[in-house]
C-alpha atoms as a PDB file:
ATOM      1  CA  MET A   1       0.000   0.000   0.000  1.00  0.00           C
ATOM      2  CA  THR A   2       1.476   3.349  -1.011  1.00  0.00           C
ATOM      3  CA  ASP A   3       1.127   6.577   0.949  1.00  0.00           C
ATOM      4  CA  LYS A   4      -1.409   7.638  -1.677  1.00  0.00           C
ATOM      5  CA  ASP A   5      -3.561   4.626  -0.774  1.00  0.00           C
ATOM      6  CA  LEU A   6      -3.456   5.205   2.991  1.00  0.00           C
ATOM      7  CA  PRO A   7      -6.678   6.450   4.544  1.00  0.00           C
ATOM      8  CA  THR A   8      -6.457  10.065   5.614  1.00  0.00           C
ATOM      9  CA  LEU A   9      -8.181  12.068   8.294  1.00  0.00           C
ATOM     10  CA  ARG A  10     -10.399  14.892   7.062  1.00  0.00           C
ATOM     11  CA  LEU A  11     -10.030  17.489   9.822  1.00  0.00           C
ATOM     12  CA  GLU A  12     -12.417  19.837   8.028  1.00  0.00           C
ATOM     13  CA  ALA A  13     -15.202  17.277   8.486  1.00  0.00           C
ATOM     14  CA  LEU A  14     -14.831  17.242  12.273  1.00  0.00           C
ATOM     15  CA  SER A  15     -16.536  19.520  14.762  1.00  0.00           C
ATOM     16  CA  PHE A  16     -14.244  20.838  17.483  1.00  0.00           C
ATOM     17  CA  PRO A  17     -15.163  22.608  20.725  1.00  0.00           C
ATOM     18  CA  THR A  18     -13.136  25.664  19.654  1.00  0.00           C
ATOM     19  CA  ASP A  19     -15.465  25.991  16.643  1.00  0.00           C
ATOM     20  CA  ARG A  20     -18.013  27.384  19.105  1.00  0.00           C
ATOM     21  CA  ILE A  21     -15.819  30.199  20.429  1.00  0.00           C
ATOM     22  CA  THR A  22     -17.390  33.565  19.772  1.00  0.00           C
ATOM     23  CA  ILE A  23     -15.772  36.943  19.298  1.00  0.00           C
ATOM     24  CA  GLU A  24     -17.405  37.950  22.592  1.00  0.00           C
ATOM     25  CA  GLN A  25     -15.581  35.105  24.372  1.00  0.00           C
ATOM     26  CA  LEU A  26     -12.304  36.128  22.751  1.00  0.00           C
ATOM     27  CA  ARG A  27     -12.834  39.749  23.839  1.00  0.00           C
ATOM     28  CA  ARG A  28     -13.530  38.670  27.437  1.00  0.00           C
ATOM     29  CA  ASP A  29     -10.508  36.365  27.512  1.00  0.00           C
ATOM     30  CA  GLN A  30      -8.055  38.722  25.829  1.00  0.00           C
ATOM     31  CA  PRO A  31      -9.438  42.260  25.984  1.00  0.00           C
ATOM     32  CA  ASP A  32      -6.090  43.793  25.050  1.00  0.00           C
ATOM     33  CA  LEU A  33      -6.381  42.282  21.576  1.00  0.00           C
ATOM     34  CA  PHE A  34      -9.488  44.342  20.976  1.00  0.00           C
ATOM     35  CA  SER A  35      -8.306  47.579  22.554  1.00  0.00           C
ATOM     36  CA  GLU A  36      -7.147  50.656  20.685  1.00  0.00           C
ATOM     37  CA  LYS A  37      -3.565  49.399  20.945  1.00  0.00           C
ATOM     38  CA  GLY A  38      -4.384  45.763  20.264  1.00  0.00           C
ATOM     39  CA  LEU A  39      -5.006  43.665  17.182  1.00  0.00           C
ATOM     40  CA  PHE A  40      -7.435  46.125  15.630  1.00  0.00           C
ATOM     41  CA  GLY A  41      -5.752  49.236  16.931  1.00  0.00           C
ATOM     42  CA  LYS A  42      -2.640  51.240  16.224  1.00  0.00           C
ATOM     43  CA  ARG A  43      -0.161  48.379  16.714  1.00  0.00           C
ATOM     44  CA  GLY A  44      -1.695  46.435  13.872  1.00  0.00           C
ATOM     45  CA  HIS A  45      -1.670  42.663  13.701  1.00  0.00           C
ATOM     46  CA  ASP A  46      -0.280  40.996  16.831  1.00  0.00           C
ATOM     47  CA  ALA A  47      -0.281  37.237  16.287  1.00  0.00           C
ATOM     48  CA  ALA A  48       1.060  36.550  19.788  1.00  0.00           C
ATOM     49  CA  GLY A  49      -2.355  37.381  21.208  1.00  0.00           C
ATOM     50  CA  TRP A  50      -3.903  34.445  19.396  1.00  0.00           C
ATOM     51  CA  ILE A  51      -1.535  31.877  20.932  1.00  0.00           C
ATOM     52  CA  ASN A  52      -4.016  30.649  23.558  1.00  0.00           C
ATOM     53  CA  VAL A  53      -6.774  29.775  21.123  1.00  0.00           C
ATOM     54  CA  LEU A  54      -4.305  28.378  18.582  1.00  0.00           C
ATOM     55  CA  ALA A  55      -2.726  26.097  21.201  1.00  0.00           C
ATOM     56  CA  ALA A  56      -6.151  24.705  22.134  1.00  0.00           C
ATOM     57  CA  MET A  57      -7.013  24.205  18.464  1.00  0.00           C
ATOM     58  CA  GLN A  58      -3.723  22.409  17.852  1.00  0.00           C
ATOM     59  CA  SER A  59      -4.317  20.114  20.832  1.00  0.00           C
ATOM     60  CA  GLU A  60      -7.743  19.166  19.464  1.00  0.00           C
ATOM     61  CA  ARG A  61      -6.225  18.302  16.113  1.00  0.00           C
ATOM     62  CA  VAL A  62      -3.393  16.282  17.676  1.00  0.00           C
ATOM     63  CA  LEU A  63      -5.952  14.142  19.520  1.00  0.00           C
ATOM     64  CA  ALA A  64      -7.923  13.656  16.295  1.00  0.00           C
ATOM     65  CA  GLN A  65      -4.817  12.664  14.339  1.00  0.00           C
ATOM     66  CA  LYS A  66      -3.721  10.186  16.995  1.00  0.00           C
ATOM     67  CA  ALA A  67      -7.179   8.583  17.225  1.00  0.00           C
ATOM     68  CA  PHE A  68      -7.541   8.242  13.470  1.00  0.00           C
ATOM     69  CA  ALA A  69      -4.082   6.727  13.111  1.00  0.00           C
ATOM     70  CA  ALA A  70      -4.819   4.195  15.869  1.00  0.00           C
ATOM     71  CA  ALA A  71      -8.109   3.200  14.208  1.00  0.00           C
ATOM     72  CA  ALA A  72      -6.394   2.863  10.838  1.00  0.00           C
ATOM     73  CA  GLY A  73      -3.486   0.840  12.237  1.00  0.00           C
ATOM     74  CA  GLN A  74      -1.048   3.597  11.278  1.00  0.00           C
ATOM     75  CA  PRO A  75       1.909   4.769  13.362  1.00  0.00           C
ATOM     76  CA  ASP A  76       1.266   7.590  15.791  1.00  0.00           C
ATOM     77  CA  PRO A  77       1.681  10.776  13.729  1.00  0.00           C
ATOM     78  CA  GLN A  78       2.573  12.795  16.842  1.00  0.00           C
ATOM     79  CA  PRO A  79       4.562  10.394  19.068  1.00  0.00           C
ATOM     80  CA  ASP A  80       6.096  13.208  21.124  1.00  0.00           C
ATOM     81  CA  GLU A  81       2.716  14.718  21.990  1.00  0.00           C
ATOM     82  CA  ASP A  82       1.200  13.263  25.155  1.00  0.00           C
ATOM     83  CA  ARG A  83      -2.594  12.864  25.245  1.00  0.00           C
ATOM     84  CA  HIS A  84      -2.863  14.115  28.826  1.00  0.00           C
ATOM     85  CA  ASP A  85      -0.784  17.205  28.035  1.00  0.00           C
ATOM     86  CA  GLN A  86      -3.104  17.978  25.123  1.00  0.00           C
ATOM     87  CA  ILE A  87      -6.176  17.639  27.332  1.00  0.00           C
ATOM     88  CA  ASP A  88      -4.569  19.859  29.985  1.00  0.00           C
ATOM     89  CA  CYS A  89      -3.916  22.537  27.360  1.00  0.00           C
ATOM     90  CA  MET A  90      -7.479  22.294  26.081  1.00  0.00           C
ATOM     91  CA  ASN A  91      -8.908  22.379  29.597  1.00  0.00           C
ATOM     92  CA  GLU A  92      -6.979  25.478  30.583  1.00  0.00           C
ATOM     93  CA  TYR A  93      -8.363  27.391  27.619  1.00  0.00           C
ATOM     94  CA  TYR A  94     -11.856  25.866  27.572  1.00  0.00           C
ATOM     95  CA  VAL A  95     -12.435  26.815  31.214  1.00  0.00           C
ATOM     96  CA  ARG A  96     -11.120  30.357  30.638  1.00  0.00           C
ATOM     97  CA  VAL A  97     -13.539  31.027  27.788  1.00  0.00           C
ATOM     98  CA  GLY A  98     -16.469  29.093  29.233  1.00  0.00           C
ATOM     99  CA  LEU A  99     -16.473  26.081  26.906  1.00  0.00           C
ATOM    100  CA  SER A 100     -15.990  23.696  29.837  1.00  0.00           C
ATOM    101  CA  SER A 101     -16.738  23.669  33.533  1.00  0.00           C
ATOM    102  CA  GLY A 102     -13.654  21.607  34.339  1.00  0.00           C
ATOM    103  CA  VAL A 103     -11.381  18.714  33.506  1.00  0.00           C
ATOM    104  CA  ARG A 104     -14.090  16.036  33.468  1.00  0.00           C
ATOM    105  CA  GLN A 105     -16.108  17.904  30.879  1.00  0.00           C
ATOM    106  CA  THR A 106     -12.964  18.585  28.859  1.00  0.00           C
ATOM    107  CA  GLN A 107     -12.090  14.872  28.961  1.00  0.00           C
ATOM    108  CA  GLN A 108     -15.561  14.110  27.588  1.00  0.00           C
ATOM    109  CA  MET A 109     -14.987  16.609  24.794  1.00  0.00           C
ATOM    110  CA  ALA A 110     -11.611  15.031  24.050  1.00  0.00           C
ATOM    111  CA  ARG A 111     -13.200  11.579  23.844  1.00  0.00           C
ATOM    112  CA  ALA A 112     -15.845  12.965  21.471  1.00  0.00           C
ATOM    113  CA  ILE A 113     -13.096  14.342  19.204  1.00  0.00           C
ATOM    114  CA  GLU A 114     -11.259  11.001  19.277  1.00  0.00           C
ATOM    115  CA  THR A 115     -14.439   9.045  18.582  1.00  0.00           C
ATOM    116  CA  ALA A 116     -15.416  11.240  15.643  1.00  0.00           C
ATOM    117  CA  ALA A 117     -11.912  11.038  14.185  1.00  0.00           C
ATOM    118  CA  SER A 118     -11.639   7.269  14.563  1.00  0.00           C
ATOM    119  CA  GLN A 119     -15.093   6.835  12.995  1.00  0.00           C
ATOM    120  CA  GLN A 120     -13.774   8.410   9.821  1.00  0.00           C
ATOM    121  CA  PHE A 121     -11.873   5.180   9.347  1.00  0.00           C
ATOM    122  CA  GLY A 122     -14.823   3.178   8.165  1.00  0.00           C
ATOM    123  CA  PRO A 123     -15.337  -0.543   7.572  1.00  0.00           C
ATOM    124  CA  THR A 124     -14.761  -0.131   3.809  1.00  0.00           C
ATOM    125  CA  GLN A 125     -11.232   1.186   4.325  1.00  0.00           C
ATOM    126  CA  LYS A 126      -8.213  -1.079   4.602  1.00  0.00           C
ATOM    127  CA  ARG A 127      -6.072  -1.007   7.742  1.00  0.00           C
ATOM    128  CA  SER A 128      -2.389  -0.265   7.299  1.00  0.00           C
ATOM    129  CA  ARG A 129       0.053  -3.012   8.047  1.00  0.00           C
END
């Protein structure tokens, strides 16, 4: 089986908790981004202010990639990324913006991401060897 034949995860088909973050939540979490001197102010674009949300988004995608690879019998695409560390990162941000009430709810969200990703590897696809 060539790389071209390997099943691939379609991240765009998944729903992630961070998809539900509103501009209002971002303004509450990082008001400086939205101030006169922030992202939309005189300083112009300041990508550093988006690090929190981007880290949470990356953690969601790492969990999805790992779950899909496990379901497909593929090697772990992110072997240096620990599942618990990813959930901790997600939890820190989710709680701050009101997506989660705590670690248990975040763990449930993480399992939902993993389940949805692994379900993309359907019964008609061939497992890697």
